[in-house]
Amino acid sequence: MPKALSSSSASSLPASYEAALAELEQLVSRLESGDMPLEQLLSGYQRGAELLKYCRDKLEAVEAQIKVLDEGTLKTWTPE
């Protein structure tokens, strides 16, 4: 049986982008399993939205830093 989301995990920020992404992937897997009660589905969806926003904000911050480093022009990255 899936464990319930605790109220502390529902409001805490992840330690890093990678931690947020891992938690989001695990949460999506649990949500897709269909084995969660309705109340847990709702709180899981809310936590997923928080994690998604956190990840997007982190990516936007990194993109802004790259623009500064590249003198205001975001360049296409090509692997060498």
Protein backbone atom coordinates (compact mmCIF):
# COMPACT_ATOMS: atom_id res chain seq x y z
CA MET A 1 0.00 0.00 0.00
CA PRO A 2 1.44 3.45 -0.91
CA LYS A 3 2.53 5.56 1.99
CA ALA A 4 0.69 8.80 2.63
CA LEU A 5 2.29 12.11 1.86
CA SER A 6 3.26 13.81 5.08
CA SER A 7 2.40 17.45 5.61
CA SER A 8 6.08 18.29 6.07
CA SER A 9 7.05 16.84 2.68
CA ALA A 10 4.18 18.66 1.01
CA SER A 11 5.53 22.07 2.03
CA SER A 12 9.31 21.60 2.09
CA LEU A 13 11.59 22.62 -0.74
CA PRO A 14 13.85 19.98 -2.26
CA ALA A 15 17.59 20.16 -1.57
CA SER A 16 18.42 20.46 -5.28
CA TYR A 17 17.04 20.34 -8.80
CA GLU A 18 18.08 16.69 -9.03
CA ALA A 19 16.28 15.85 -5.77
CA ALA A 20 13.14 17.63 -6.99
CA LEU A 21 13.24 15.79 -10.30
CA ALA A 22 13.71 12.42 -8.60
CA GLU A 23 10.82 13.10 -6.22
CA LEU A 24 8.65 14.26 -9.11
CA GLU A 25 9.39 11.11 -11.13
CA GLN A 26 8.58 8.91 -8.13
CA LEU A 27 5.38 10.85 -7.49
CA VAL A 28 4.24 10.57 -11.10
CA SER A 29 4.83 6.83 -10.97
CA ARG A 30 2.70 6.55 -7.83
CA LEU A 31 -0.05 8.73 -9.31
CA GLU A 32 -0.12 6.69 -12.51
CA SER A 33 -0.38 3.42 -10.58
CA GLY A 34 -4.00 4.19 -9.74
CA ASP A 35 -3.64 2.69 -6.26
CA MET A 36 -3.89 5.95 -4.31
CA PRO A 37 -7.06 7.11 -2.54
CA LEU A 38 -8.66 10.29 -3.88
CA GLU A 39 -7.35 12.50 -1.05
CA GLN A 40 -3.79 11.30 -1.63
CA LEU A 41 -4.19 11.84 -5.36
CA LEU A 42 -5.10 15.46 -4.74
CA SER A 43 -2.22 16.11 -2.35
CA GLY A 44 0.14 14.26 -4.71
CA TYR A 45 -0.99 16.41 -7.61
CA GLN A 46 -0.45 19.56 -5.54
CA ARG A 47 3.05 18.42 -4.53
CA GLY A 48 3.81 17.60 -8.15
CA ALA A 49 2.79 21.11 -9.19
CA GLU A 50 5.10 22.56 -6.51
CA LEU A 51 8.00 20.38 -7.67
CA LEU A 52 7.40 21.27 -11.31
CA LYS A 53 7.43 24.98 -10.48
CA TYR A 54 10.63 24.54 -8.47
CA CYS A 55 12.33 22.75 -11.40
CA ARG A 56 11.17 25.35 -13.92
CA ASP A 57 12.37 28.20 -11.69
CA LYS A 58 15.78 26.56 -11.30
CA LEU A 59 16.12 26.02 -15.06
CA GLU A 60 15.11 29.62 -15.77
CA ALA A 61 17.72 30.85 -13.25
CA VAL A 62 20.42 28.80 -14.94
CA GLU A 63 19.32 30.06 -18.35
CA ALA A 64 19.57 33.65 -17.10
CA GLN A 65 23.09 32.98 -15.82
CA ILE A 66 24.10 31.51 -19.18
CA LYS A 67 22.77 34.61 -20.95
CA VAL A 68 24.95 36.78 -18.73
CA LEU A 69 27.98 34.60 -19.39
CA ASP A 70 27.30 34.71 -23.14
CA GLU A 71 26.91 38.53 -23.10
CA GLY A 72 23.13 38.54 -23.31
CA THR A 73 22.74 36.11 -26.20
CA LEU A 74 21.48 32.62 -25.50
CA LYS A 75 23.38 30.36 -27.85
CA THR A 76 22.36 26.91 -29.01
CA TRP A 77 24.37 24.25 -27.23
CA THR A 78 25.99 21.69 -29.46
CA PRO A 79 27.82 18.68 -28.01
CA GLU A 80 31.41 18.35 -29.13
